[in-house]
Structure formats: structure tokens, C-alpha cells
C-alpha atoms as a PDB file:
ATOM      1  CA  MET A   1       0.232  -0.015  -0.079  1.00  0.00           C
ATOM      2  CA  THR A   2       1.194   3.668  -0.893  1.00  0.00           C
ATOM      3  CA  ASP A   3       2.077   5.845   1.953  1.00  0.00           C
ATOM      4  CA  ARG A   4      -0.845   8.435   0.178  1.00  0.00           C
ATOM      5  CA  ALA A   5      -3.184   5.212   0.487  1.00  0.00           C
ATOM      6  CA  LYS A   6      -2.419   5.132   4.252  1.00  0.00           C
ATOM      7  CA  GLN A   7      -3.681   8.967   4.948  1.00  0.00           C
ATOM      8  CA  PRO A   8      -7.316   9.044   5.702  1.00  0.00           C
ATOM      9  CA  SER A   9      -7.416  12.646   5.850  1.00  0.00           C
ATOM     10  CA  SER A  10      -5.062  13.152   2.357  1.00  0.00           C
ATOM     11  CA  ILE A  11      -6.526  16.038   0.365  1.00  0.00           C
ATOM     12  CA  LEU A  12      -5.768  15.565  -3.578  1.00  0.00           C
ATOM     13  CA  TYR A  13      -5.744  18.749  -6.068  1.00  0.00           C
ATOM     14  CA  ALA A  14      -5.315  17.429  -9.675  1.00  0.00           C
ATOM     15  CA  SER A  15      -4.373  19.893 -12.195  1.00  0.00           C
ATOM     16  CA  GLY A  16      -2.794  19.546 -15.538  1.00  0.00           C
ATOM     17  CA  VAL A  17      -3.544  17.702 -18.933  1.00  0.00           C
ATOM     18  CA  GLU A  18      -4.287  14.390 -17.331  1.00  0.00           C
ATOM     19  CA  CYS A  19      -3.203  13.362 -14.090  1.00  0.00           C
ATOM     20  CA  ARG A  20      -3.562  10.286 -12.224  1.00  0.00           C
ATOM     21  CA  GLU A  21      -3.782   8.987  -8.773  1.00  0.00           C
ATOM     22  CA  THR A  22      -3.824   5.402  -7.639  1.00  0.00           C
ATOM     23  CA  ARG A  23      -5.595   4.190  -4.349  1.00  0.00           C
ATOM     24  CA  GLU A  24      -5.499   0.887  -2.822  1.00  0.00           C
ATOM     25  CA  LEU A  25      -8.458   0.810  -0.625  1.00  0.00           C
ATOM     26  CA  SER A  26      -9.775  -2.256   2.156  1.00  0.00           C
ATOM     27  CA  LYS A  27     -12.910  -4.034   1.466  1.00  0.00           C
ATOM     28  CA  ASP A  28     -15.814  -1.360   2.713  1.00  0.00           C
ATOM     29  CA  ALA A  29     -13.319   1.426   2.439  1.00  0.00           C
ATOM     30  CA  THR A  30     -14.857   4.698   0.364  1.00  0.00           C
ATOM     31  CA  LEU A  31     -13.135   7.572  -1.036  1.00  0.00           C
ATOM     32  CA  ARG A  32     -15.311  10.854  -1.253  1.00  0.00           C
ATOM     33  CA  VAL A  33     -14.556  12.923  -4.546  1.00  0.00           C
ATOM     34  CA  ARG A  34     -15.977  16.083  -5.262  1.00  0.00           C
ATOM     35  CA  PRO A  35     -15.774  16.533  -9.388  1.00  0.00           C
ATOM     36  CA  GLY A  36     -14.614  19.822 -11.029  1.00  0.00           C
ATOM     37  CA  CYS A  37     -15.441  21.690 -14.037  1.00  0.00           C
ATOM     38  CA  ARG A  38     -13.972  19.525 -16.292  1.00  0.00           C
ATOM     39  CA  GLY A  39     -15.046  15.946 -14.933  1.00  0.00           C
ATOM     40  CA  PHE A  40     -12.752  13.162 -14.039  1.00  0.00           C
ATOM     41  CA  SER A  41     -12.797   9.267 -15.023  1.00  0.00           C
ATOM     42  CA  VAL A  42     -12.445   6.319 -12.640  1.00  0.00           C
ATOM     43  CA  GLU A  43     -11.028   3.071 -13.413  1.00  0.00           C
ATOM     44  CA  ALA A  44     -11.343  -0.342 -11.457  1.00  0.00           C
ATOM     45  CA  MET A  45      -7.557  -1.944 -11.439  1.00  0.00           C
ATOM     46  CA  CYS A  46      -8.590  -4.699  -9.294  1.00  0.00           C
ATOM     47  CA  GLY A  47     -11.271  -6.022  -6.835  1.00  0.00           C
ATOM     48  CA  THR A  48     -15.098  -4.305  -7.143  1.00  0.00           C
ATOM     49  CA  LEU A  49     -16.082  -1.152  -6.908  1.00  0.00           C
ATOM     50  CA  LEU A  50     -19.603   0.641  -6.667  1.00  0.00           C
ATOM     51  CA  VAL A  51     -19.541   4.313  -7.964  1.00  0.00           C
ATOM     52  CA  THR A  52     -22.786   6.344  -7.110  1.00  0.00           C
ATOM     53  CA  GLN A  53     -22.770  10.666  -7.735  1.00  0.00           C
ATOM     54  CA  ALA A  54     -25.235  12.778  -6.057  1.00  0.00           C
ATOM     55  CA  GLY A  55     -27.900  13.601  -8.827  1.00  0.00           C
ATOM     56  CA  ASP A  56     -27.699  10.364 -10.796  1.00  0.00           C
ATOM     57  CA  ALA A  57     -30.402   7.796 -10.010  1.00  0.00           C
ATOM     58  CA  ASP A  58     -27.894   4.817 -11.017  1.00  0.00           C
ATOM     59  CA  ASP A  59     -25.195   3.248  -9.036  1.00  0.00           C
ATOM     60  CA  HIS A  60     -22.285   1.996 -10.908  1.00  0.00           C
ATOM     61  CA  ILE A  61     -20.185  -1.385 -10.704  1.00  0.00           C
ATOM     62  CA  LEU A  62     -17.030  -1.666 -11.872  1.00  0.00           C
ATOM     63  CA  THR A  63     -15.051  -4.355 -11.837  1.00  0.00           C
ATOM     64  CA  PRO A  64     -10.922  -4.594 -13.451  1.00  0.00           C
ATOM     65  CA  GLY A  65     -10.584  -2.423 -16.585  1.00  0.00           C
ATOM     66  CA  ASP A  66     -14.118  -0.928 -16.534  1.00  0.00           C
ATOM     67  CA  VAL A  67     -14.032   3.177 -16.661  1.00  0.00           C
ATOM     68  CA  PHE A  68     -16.738   5.285 -15.704  1.00  0.00           C
ATOM     69  CA  GLN A  69     -16.861   9.079 -16.248  1.00  0.00           C
ATOM     70  CA  PRO A  70     -18.942  10.937 -13.396  1.00  0.00           C
ATOM     71  CA  ALA A  71     -20.932  14.087 -14.723  1.00  0.00           C
ATOM     72  CA  PRO A  72     -19.088  17.377 -14.074  1.00  0.00           C
ATOM     73  CA  ARG A  73     -20.126  19.606 -11.412  1.00  0.00           C
ATOM     74  CA  ARG A  74     -23.025  17.900 -10.591  1.00  0.00           C
ATOM     75  CA  GLY A  75     -22.173  16.239  -6.859  1.00  0.00           C
ATOM     76  CA  LEU A  76     -20.210  14.629  -4.526  1.00  0.00           C
ATOM     77  CA  VAL A  77     -19.355  10.861  -5.761  1.00  0.00           C
ATOM     78  CA  VAL A  78     -18.721   8.288  -3.532  1.00  0.00           C
ATOM     79  CA  ILE A  79     -16.449   4.974  -4.478  1.00  0.00           C
ATOM     80  CA  TRP A  80     -17.046   2.279  -2.377  1.00  0.00           C
ATOM     81  CA  ALA A  81     -14.784  -0.839  -2.291  1.00  0.00           C
ATOM     82  CA  LEU A  82     -16.830  -4.072  -2.252  1.00  0.00           C
ATOM     83  CA  SER A  83     -13.972  -6.309  -1.992  1.00  0.00           C
ATOM     84  CA  LYS A  84      -9.998  -5.533  -1.189  1.00  0.00           C
ATOM     85  CA  ALA A  85      -9.596  -3.007  -4.635  1.00  0.00           C
ATOM     86  CA  ALA A  86      -7.319  -0.579  -6.157  1.00  0.00           C
ATOM     87  CA  VAL A  87      -8.844   2.707  -8.031  1.00  0.00           C
ATOM     88  CA  ARG A  88      -7.078   4.865 -10.277  1.00  0.00           C
ATOM     89  CA  LEU A  89      -8.530   8.368 -11.161  1.00  0.00           C
ATOM     90  CA  TYR A  90      -7.756  10.672 -14.344  1.00  0.00           C
ATOM     91  CA  ALA A  91      -8.097  14.179 -14.237  1.00  0.00           C
ATOM     92  CA  TYR A  92      -8.558  16.940 -17.025  1.00  0.00           C
ATOM     93  CA  GLY A  93      -7.733  19.802 -15.840  1.00  0.00           C
ATOM     94  CA  ARG A  94      -8.096  21.042 -12.080  1.00  0.00           C
ATOM     95  CA  SER A  95     -10.692  18.695 -11.955  1.00  0.00           C
ATOM     96  CA  TRP A  96     -11.274  16.860  -8.665  1.00  0.00           C
ATOM     97  CA  VAL A  97     -10.495  17.058  -4.757  1.00  0.00           C
ATOM     98  CA  VAL A  98     -10.446  13.609  -2.640  1.00  0.00           C
ATOM     99  CA  GLU A  99     -11.536  14.181   0.748  1.00  0.00           C
ATOM    100  CA  ALA A 100     -11.113  12.062   3.721  1.00  0.00           C
ATOM    101  CA  PRO A 101     -12.682   8.804   3.392  1.00  0.00           C
ATOM    102  CA  LEU A 102     -16.316   8.235   5.034  1.00  0.00           C
ATOM    103  CA  ALA A 103     -15.720   5.553   8.586  1.00  0.00           C
ATOM    104  CA  ALA A 104     -16.195   2.456   8.028  1.00  0.00           C
END
């Protein structure tokens, strides 16, 4: 596990044309992500993830290799690890803020 993944209170600000951040998540761990104006994508690297976004009636299940792009500026995105997992976030410009994980 990377040092950044161990830091529950870390905040990530993405900038540039395409930025990547990979996080390892234990089962039932979550990330809260606030999308910026240009958007971002979520990719499941391993494990199974459930991705939900405020204002979107659907929940999205991602397995390794699946990618989901939440709507820019729509609302908070929560990524929930249904099993031990790794997630990669791709940003387009200054596009997201990863907040402290929710308590399990």
C-alpha cells in the first residue's frame, strides 16, 4: 500500500491535462470525490467498486478494466470498495478533490 493511500485525511488536487492518482482500498473503504468543472474518470484496477454520484439515480459497479466518468460539477461522488480494490482517478485539468474517507 502506498503512503498516500494510508493517509485517511489526505486531499488531492489534480491539475494538468491528464493526472492520475491510484489508491488502494480495503474492503468497505470509501473515497469521497468532488468533481471539478472539467470532469474525471474512475478506473477499477483490481477488485470490485460501487460508484455513486449525487443527482444520478444509478449506481455503477466497476470490475477490473471498467471505467466510469461521473458528470462534471453534478455533485459528490462516492467510491465504495466492495472487495479489496485499487482505483485510478484520471483528471482533465483541475478536476477533483479527494476528501477524507468515510468512516467504515
